Amino acid sequence: MQQLVDFIDNIVAIPAVDIILAICIIVLFKVLSGGISYWIIRLFRIGLKHKREAHKSAFYAPLKLFISILGVYLAILLLRDKLLISQETMVIINKAFIIISIIIFARGFAQSFKPGSTIVNNILAKMDKKQTDSSINFILKIIRFFIYAIAVFLIITQLGINLNGLVAGLGVTGIIITLAAQDTAKNLFGGLMIFIDKPFVVGDWIQFSTYEGTVEDITFRSTRIRTFENSVVNVPNSVLSDESINNWSRMVKRRFKTTLCLELDTPLEKVEKLTAKIQEMLLNRDEIIDDSVIVKFNAIVDNGIQLLIYSFTNSVDYASFLEETEKINYGIMRILEEEHVSLAYDSKTVYVKN
């Protein structure tokens, strides 16, 4: 209580000119923080002409905050002797200023490596964005992690914590941490394998033993998949790295295959004509790949004659493939009607003995 009274007495004893000067420094740095931040960013970004562009920079807000805090710090330095601030207190103030500065700039660096930032956009502009989105996001997360890790290390150093003792303490509990973090390490390694092998990227339609859907995000621990029921599933990366994944988005063509079973008494001339007309119908379709068309008398079975119809289509997404399949089926049915050919039904003949 007595220290607070002494501090107030010291403030009262300070000449008004010094107090006004300190307040002016704080206000001046606060008012000019935006302009100074703009000129600093412009200094490092040649070609920057508009303030609106500077405001979008990841460093603009951190710089403004730092300059405002710098004004407060300089005001304290100005009034240090007048306030009779001890050396020990000044050490604390200096460390607090440095720690705050580290946090501010660490956040600025981390924000500059987020999707949508200028640096990232410049990188993506030189790459095939579709193929590198998930890879870039994964790398950016690793970079941000290391930025914050370095910031924590610098803060610990400023606080004077003995890192040797900290490391020794971690060594004692290392076994427990290792056992507890086994799954996390597996997921991190799985995410790294997904990044290196690129079995899929964000936006791909994938299918594996448990789920099927569209990849929405790939993180250190898991991959987020939106299923076709519109639910969201977070699958651990360790699971995906061990799975056989079917990436439907990588298809360049899609197979159409069906088998027609004609009645056994269908004349062979009709079978030959039917085969030729179905093949011609497929070859005349724009979405069908011509050299993939196969229409053959495939087999003779118990209840009829089988025709194999096989081809590939350029319609790879599911909706357009279904639409193309429907058109092909309509075409086949029309040909059957024109040729007056009936499909066979699965039937059995039962003999009754009297």
Protein backbone atom coordinates (compact mmCIF):
# COMPACT_ATOMS: atom_id res chain seq x y z
CA MET A 1 0.00 0.00 0.00
CA GLN A 2 2.82 2.34 0.91
CA GLN A 3 4.50 1.63 -2.47
CA LEU A 4 1.32 2.65 -4.29
CA VAL A 5 1.18 5.87 -2.26
CA ASP A 6 4.83 6.60 -3.07
CA PHE A 7 4.18 5.94 -6.78
CA ILE A 8 1.24 8.37 -6.81
CA ASP A 9 3.35 10.97 -5.00
CA ASN A 10 6.06 10.53 -7.66
CA ILE A 11 3.52 11.10 -10.45
CA VAL A 12 2.25 14.24 -8.74
CA ALA A 13 5.81 15.51 -8.42
CA ILE A 14 6.53 15.09 -12.14
CA PRO A 15 6.58 18.41 -14.05
CA ALA A 16 3.51 18.90 -16.23
CA VAL A 17 5.73 19.39 -19.29
CA ASP A 18 7.14 15.85 -18.96
CA ILE A 19 3.69 14.33 -18.52
CA ILE A 20 2.34 16.22 -21.53
CA LEU A 21 5.37 15.16 -23.56
CA ALA A 22 4.87 11.48 -22.59
CA ILE A 23 1.17 11.65 -23.49
CA CYS A 24 2.02 13.30 -26.80
CA ILE A 25 4.46 10.49 -27.61
CA ILE A 26 1.79 7.85 -26.89
CA VAL A 27 -0.88 9.65 -28.92
CA LEU A 28 1.52 10.48 -31.77
CA PHE A 29 2.67 6.87 -32.15
CA LYS A 30 -0.94 5.69 -31.98
CA VAL A 31 -2.11 8.16 -34.64
CA LEU A 32 0.86 7.57 -36.94
CA SER A 33 0.93 3.77 -36.50
CA GLY A 34 -1.18 3.19 -39.62
CA GLY A 35 0.90 5.45 -41.85
CA ILE A 36 4.22 4.13 -40.55
CA SER A 37 3.02 0.54 -41.04
CA TYR A 38 2.03 1.37 -44.62
CA TRP A 39 5.45 2.85 -45.45
CA ILE A 40 7.30 -0.08 -43.85
CA ILE A 41 5.25 -2.58 -45.89
CA ARG A 42 5.74 -0.48 -49.02
CA LEU A 43 9.49 -0.45 -48.38
CA PHE A 44 9.60 -4.26 -48.55
CA ARG A 45 6.93 -4.65 -51.25
CA ILE A 46 8.04 -2.75 -54.33
CA GLY A 47 5.13 -1.83 -56.55
CA LEU A 48 2.62 -1.38 -53.75
CA LYS A 49 0.63 1.76 -54.56
CA HIS A 50 -2.63 1.70 -52.63
CA LYS A 51 -3.17 1.63 -48.88
CA ARG A 52 -5.97 -0.87 -49.36
CA GLU A 53 -3.39 -3.40 -50.55
CA ALA A 54 -1.24 -2.71 -47.48
CA HIS A 55 -4.24 -3.23 -45.19
CA LYS A 56 -4.59 -6.76 -46.57
CA SER A 57 -0.99 -7.56 -45.63
CA ALA A 58 -0.56 -10.01 -42.75
CA PHE A 59 1.94 -7.61 -41.15
CA TYR A 60 -0.20 -4.47 -41.25
CA ALA A 61 -2.21 -5.07 -38.04
CA PRO A 62 0.79 -6.44 -36.06
CA LEU A 63 2.92 -3.45 -37.11
CA LYS A 64 0.22 -0.99 -36.03
CA LEU A 65 -0.04 -2.69 -32.64
CA PHE A 66 3.75 -2.80 -32.21
CA ILE A 67 4.17 0.92 -33.03
CA SER A 68 1.42 1.83 -30.54
CA ILE A 69 3.08 -0.26 -27.81
CA LEU A 70 6.45 1.23 -28.76
CA GLY A 71 5.00 4.68 -28.02
CA VAL A 72 3.97 3.54 -24.53
CA TYR A 73 7.42 2.00 -23.97
CA LEU A 74 9.23 5.22 -25.01
CA ALA A 75 6.95 7.25 -22.74
CA ILE A 76 7.91 5.00 -19.82
CA LEU A 77 11.59 5.45 -20.67
CA LEU A 78 11.09 9.22 -20.73
CA LEU A 79 9.50 9.23 -17.28
CA ARG A 80 11.73 6.54 -15.80
CA ASP A 81 13.88 8.84 -13.70
CA LYS A 82 10.91 11.03 -12.71
CA LEU A 83 8.92 7.99 -11.54
CA LEU A 84 11.98 6.60 -9.73
CA ILE A 85 11.52 3.23 -11.44
CA SER A 86 14.07 0.76 -10.05
CA GLN A 87 16.49 -1.23 -12.18
CA GLU A 88 14.67 -4.48 -11.33
CA THR A 89 11.35 -3.03 -12.49
CA MET A 90 12.90 -1.77 -15.72
CA VAL A 91 14.25 -5.26 -16.40
CA ILE A 92 10.70 -6.60 -16.09
CA ILE A 93 9.35 -3.84 -18.34
CA ASN A 94 12.04 -4.49 -20.96
CA LYS A 95 11.34 -8.22 -20.94
CA ALA A 96 7.60 -7.61 -21.18
CA PHE A 97 8.14 -5.32 -24.18
CA ILE A 98 10.37 -7.90 -25.89
CA ILE A 99 7.93 -10.77 -25.20
CA ILE A 100 4.97 -8.75 -26.50
CA SER A 101 7.01 -7.86 -29.60
CA ILE A 102 7.87 -11.54 -30.17
CA ILE A 103 4.19 -12.53 -29.92
CA ILE A 104 3.10 -9.74 -32.27
CA PHE A 105 5.67 -10.51 -34.97
CA ALA A 106 5.27 -14.29 -34.61
CA ARG A 107 1.57 -13.83 -35.30
CA GLY A 108 2.39 -11.59 -38.27
CA PHE A 109 4.78 -14.17 -39.75
CA ALA A 110 2.28 -16.98 -39.14
CA GLN A 111 -0.56 -15.01 -40.76
CA SER A 112 1.60 -14.37 -43.81
CA PHE A 113 1.75 -18.14 -44.37
CA LYS A 114 -1.99 -18.72 -44.30
CA PRO A 115 -4.08 -19.60 -47.39
CA GLY A 116 -5.10 -16.43 -49.23
CA SER A 117 -2.10 -14.36 -48.12
CA THR A 118 0.05 -12.53 -50.65
CA ILE A 119 3.00 -14.90 -50.26
CA VAL A 120 0.83 -17.98 -50.72
CA ASN A 121 -1.00 -16.47 -53.68
CA ASN A 122 2.32 -15.73 -55.38
CA ILE A 123 3.39 -19.35 -54.82
CA LEU A 124 0.11 -20.74 -56.15
CA ALA A 125 0.29 -18.46 -59.19
CA LYS A 126 3.42 -20.32 -60.27
CA MET A 127 1.97 -23.78 -59.67
CA ASP A 128 -0.86 -26.04 -60.82
CA LYS A 129 -3.25 -25.01 -58.07
CA LYS A 130 -5.59 -27.99 -58.45
CA GLN A 131 -2.78 -30.44 -57.86
CA THR A 132 -1.08 -28.58 -55.01
CA ASP A 133 -3.81 -27.12 -52.82
CA SER A 134 -3.71 -29.79 -50.11
CA SER A 135 0.08 -30.04 -50.28
CA ILE A 136 0.49 -26.27 -49.91
CA ASN A 137 -1.95 -26.19 -46.97
CA PHE A 138 -0.04 -28.98 -45.24
CA ILE A 139 3.31 -27.21 -45.73
CA LEU A 140 1.82 -23.93 -44.48
CA LYS A 141 0.62 -25.61 -41.29
CA ILE A 142 4.10 -26.99 -40.67
CA ILE A 143 5.67 -23.56 -41.27
CA ARG A 144 3.21 -21.88 -38.87
CA PHE A 145 3.91 -24.56 -36.26
CA PHE A 146 7.66 -23.91 -36.43
CA ILE A 147 7.14 -20.13 -36.29
CA TYR A 148 5.15 -20.45 -33.08
CA ALA A 149 7.63 -23.01 -31.71
CA ILE A 150 10.52 -20.58 -32.28
CA ALA A 151 8.47 -17.80 -30.64
CA VAL A 152 7.86 -19.99 -27.57
CA PHE A 153 11.57 -20.80 -27.40
CA LEU A 154 12.49 -17.08 -27.54
CA ILE A 155 9.91 -16.25 -24.84
CA ILE A 156 11.26 -19.01 -22.57
CA THR A 157 14.74 -17.60 -23.09
CA GLN A 158 13.55 -14.09 -22.14
CA LEU A 159 11.88 -15.44 -19.00
CA GLY A 160 15.21 -16.92 -17.95
CA ILE A 161 13.93 -20.47 -17.68
CA ASN A 162 16.76 -23.01 -17.61
CA LEU A 163 16.27 -25.06 -20.76
CA ASN A 164 18.69 -27.73 -19.52
CA GLY A 165 16.46 -28.34 -16.54
CA LEU A 166 13.42 -28.32 -18.77
CA VAL A 167 14.98 -30.87 -21.11
CA ALA A 168 15.98 -33.03 -18.14
CA GLY A 169 12.42 -32.86 -16.85
CA LEU A 170 11.13 -33.88 -20.24
CA GLY A 171 13.58 -36.78 -20.22
CA VAL A 172 12.08 -38.08 -16.97
CA THR A 173 8.55 -37.94 -18.39
CA GLY A 174 9.62 -38.81 -21.94
CA ILE A 175 8.43 -42.40 -21.77
CA ILE A 176 4.96 -41.37 -20.60
CA ILE A 177 4.69 -38.68 -23.28
CA THR A 178 5.90 -41.09 -25.97
CA LEU A 179 3.32 -43.71 -25.03
CA ALA A 180 0.55 -41.11 -24.90
CA ALA A 181 1.57 -39.58 -28.21
CA GLN A 182 1.92 -42.80 -30.22
CA ASP A 183 -1.37 -42.29 -32.04
CA THR A 184 -0.56 -38.63 -32.67
CA ALA A 185 2.83 -39.58 -34.12
CA LYS A 186 1.20 -42.21 -36.35
CA ASN A 187 -1.34 -39.68 -37.60
CA LEU A 188 1.37 -37.08 -38.23
CA PHE A 189 3.45 -39.61 -40.16
CA GLY A 190 0.32 -40.71 -42.04
CA GLY A 191 -0.38 -37.09 -42.97
CA LEU A 192 3.21 -36.73 -44.17
CA MET A 193 2.81 -39.83 -46.37
CA ILE A 194 -0.44 -38.43 -47.79
CA PHE A 195 1.41 -35.20 -48.57
CA ILE A 196 4.32 -37.02 -50.27
CA ASP A 197 2.37 -39.71 -52.17
CA LYS A 198 -0.64 -37.46 -52.99
CA PRO A 199 -3.23 -40.28 -53.24
CA PHE A 200 -5.81 -37.50 -53.07
CA VAL A 201 -6.10 -33.73 -52.67
CA VAL A 202 -8.79 -31.43 -51.29
CA GLY A 203 -11.88 -31.68 -53.50
CA ASP A 204 -11.28 -35.28 -54.64
CA TRP A 205 -14.00 -37.92 -54.45
CA ILE A 206 -12.49 -40.93 -52.67
CA GLN A 207 -13.71 -44.30 -51.45
CA PHE A 208 -12.17 -46.80 -49.06
CA SER A 209 -13.37 -49.68 -46.91
CA THR A 210 -15.40 -47.57 -44.48
CA TYR A 211 -16.47 -44.31 -46.12
CA GLU A 212 -16.98 -42.60 -49.44
CA GLY A 213 -17.17 -38.86 -50.07
CA THR A 214 -15.37 -35.62 -50.95
CA VAL A 215 -12.17 -34.52 -49.19
CA GLU A 216 -12.71 -31.14 -47.49
CA ASP A 217 -9.49 -30.68 -45.52
CA ILE A 218 -6.22 -32.45 -44.63
CA THR A 219 -4.70 -31.59 -41.23
CA PHE A 220 -1.80 -32.91 -39.17
CA ARG A 221 -4.00 -35.44 -37.39
CA SER A 222 -6.88 -36.29 -39.69
CA THR A 223 -8.59 -35.86 -43.05
CA ARG A 224 -12.10 -34.39 -43.15
CA ILE A 225 -14.46 -36.12 -45.60
CA ARG A 226 -18.01 -35.04 -46.44
CA THR A 227 -20.02 -38.14 -47.27
CA PHE A 228 -22.82 -38.28 -49.82
CA GLU A 229 -25.28 -38.30 -46.89
CA ASN A 230 -23.88 -34.78 -46.21
CA SER A 231 -22.32 -35.81 -42.91
CA VAL A 232 -18.70 -34.97 -42.05
CA VAL A 233 -16.25 -37.67 -41.00
CA ASN A 234 -12.79 -37.02 -39.55
CA VAL A 235 -10.64 -40.01 -40.46
CA PRO A 236 -7.23 -40.35 -38.72
CA ASN A 237 -4.39 -40.08 -41.20
CA SER A 238 -2.86 -43.30 -39.84
CA VAL A 239 -6.00 -45.15 -40.99
CA LEU A 240 -5.95 -43.62 -44.47
CA SER A 241 -2.22 -44.29 -44.95
CA ASP A 242 -2.89 -48.02 -44.39
CA GLU A 243 -6.00 -48.17 -46.59
CA SER A 244 -6.44 -48.96 -50.27
CA ILE A 245 -8.03 -45.76 -51.54
CA ASN A 246 -10.09 -45.55 -54.70
CA ASN A 247 -9.82 -42.00 -56.05
CA TRP A 248 -12.77 -41.59 -58.39
CA SER A 249 -11.70 -38.04 -59.28
CA ARG A 250 -8.61 -39.38 -61.05
CA MET A 251 -10.68 -41.21 -63.67
CA VAL A 252 -10.08 -40.09 -67.25
CA LYS A 253 -12.86 -42.37 -68.56
CA ARG A 254 -15.63 -44.48 -67.07
CA ARG A 255 -16.76 -47.97 -68.00
CA PHE A 256 -20.23 -48.89 -69.19
CA LYS A 257 -20.98 -52.61 -69.12
CA THR A 258 -24.18 -54.59 -69.37
CA THR A 259 -25.33 -58.04 -70.54
CA LEU A 260 -28.50 -58.71 -72.53
CA CYS A 261 -30.07 -62.16 -72.35
CA LEU A 262 -32.15 -62.89 -75.48
CA GLU A 263 -34.65 -65.71 -75.78
CA LEU A 264 -33.16 -69.00 -77.00
CA ASP A 265 -35.43 -69.11 -80.04
CA THR A 266 -34.18 -65.73 -81.34
CA PRO A 267 -33.04 -66.21 -84.97
CA LEU A 268 -29.31 -65.87 -85.51
CA GLU A 269 -29.95 -63.26 -88.22
CA LYS A 270 -31.72 -61.16 -85.61
CA VAL A 271 -28.83 -61.61 -83.19
CA GLU A 272 -26.31 -60.50 -85.80
CA LYS A 273 -28.42 -57.51 -86.83
CA LEU A 274 -29.08 -56.54 -83.21
CA THR A 275 -25.34 -56.71 -82.44
CA ALA A 276 -24.49 -54.49 -85.40
CA LYS A 277 -27.17 -51.88 -84.63
CA ILE A 278 -26.21 -51.60 -80.95
CA GLN A 279 -22.55 -51.19 -81.92
CA GLU A 280 -23.47 -48.51 -84.47
CA MET A 281 -25.62 -46.69 -81.90
CA LEU A 282 -22.69 -46.59 -79.44
CA LEU A 283 -20.22 -45.43 -82.06
CA ASN A 284 -22.52 -42.53 -82.98
CA ARG A 285 -22.60 -41.22 -79.40
CA ASP A 286 -20.22 -38.29 -78.74
CA GLU A 287 -19.44 -39.31 -75.17
CA ILE A 288 -18.48 -42.88 -76.08
CA ILE A 289 -14.81 -43.63 -76.83
CA ASP A 290 -14.99 -45.37 -80.21
CA ASP A 291 -12.07 -47.80 -79.88
CA SER A 292 -13.48 -49.12 -76.58
CA VAL A 293 -16.83 -50.36 -77.99
CA ILE A 294 -17.40 -54.13 -77.78
CA VAL A 295 -20.75 -55.79 -78.62
CA LYS A 296 -20.42 -59.56 -78.85
CA PHE A 297 -22.46 -62.78 -78.72
CA ASN A 298 -20.91 -63.71 -75.41
CA ALA A 299 -22.42 -66.98 -74.23
CA ILE A 300 -25.26 -69.46 -74.43
CA VAL A 301 -26.86 -70.02 -71.05
CA ASP A 302 -29.75 -72.13 -69.80
CA ASN A 303 -32.45 -69.57 -70.48
CA GLY A 304 -31.12 -67.62 -73.45
CA ILE A 305 -28.43 -66.02 -75.61
CA GLN A 306 -26.15 -63.49 -73.91
CA LEU A 307 -24.89 -60.32 -75.59
CA LEU A 308 -22.03 -58.47 -73.90
CA ILE A 309 -22.14 -54.66 -74.34
CA TYR A 310 -18.96 -52.96 -73.20
CA SER A 311 -17.52 -49.46 -73.72
CA PHE A 312 -15.91 -46.47 -72.03
CA THR A 313 -17.41 -43.00 -71.76
CA ASN A 314 -15.88 -39.57 -71.24
CA SER A 315 -18.57 -38.77 -68.65
CA VAL A 316 -16.58 -39.42 -65.49
CA ASP A 317 -18.55 -37.60 -62.79
CA TYR A 318 -21.38 -39.66 -61.37
CA ALA A 319 -24.31 -37.45 -62.42
CA SER A 320 -23.23 -37.15 -66.07
CA PHE A 321 -22.35 -40.86 -66.18
CA LEU A 322 -25.86 -41.78 -65.01
CA GLU A 323 -27.32 -39.48 -67.63
CA GLU A 324 -25.21 -41.09 -70.37
CA THR A 325 -26.08 -44.58 -69.11
CA GLU A 326 -29.76 -43.75 -69.26
CA LYS A 327 -29.47 -42.57 -72.89
CA ILE A 328 -27.60 -45.74 -73.89
CA ASN A 329 -30.22 -47.94 -72.20
CA TYR A 330 -33.01 -46.07 -74.00
CA GLY A 331 -31.19 -46.62 -77.29
CA ILE A 332 -30.80 -50.35 -76.64
CA MET A 333 -34.48 -50.73 -75.75
CA ARG A 334 -35.55 -48.91 -78.93
CA ILE A 335 -33.40 -51.23 -81.05
CA LEU A 336 -34.95 -54.27 -79.32
CA GLU A 337 -38.43 -52.92 -80.09
CA GLU A 338 -37.55 -52.18 -83.72
CA GLU A 339 -36.19 -55.69 -84.24
CA HIS A 340 -39.04 -57.30 -82.26
CA VAL A 341 -36.58 -59.09 -80.02
CA SER A 342 -37.60 -60.05 -76.49
CA LEU A 343 -35.37 -60.48 -73.46
CA ALA A 344 -35.36 -63.84 -71.76
CA TYR A 345 -36.55 -64.37 -68.21
CA ASP A 346 -34.97 -66.65 -65.70
CA SER A 347 -37.19 -69.71 -65.83
CA LYS A 348 -37.23 -73.36 -64.83
CA THR A 349 -39.15 -76.30 -66.29
CA VAL A 350 -40.72 -78.62 -63.74
CA TYR A 351 -41.78 -82.14 -64.78
CA VAL A 352 -44.52 -83.76 -62.68
CA LYS A 353 -44.50 -87.56 -62.70
CA ASN A 354 -47.91 -89.22 -62.30
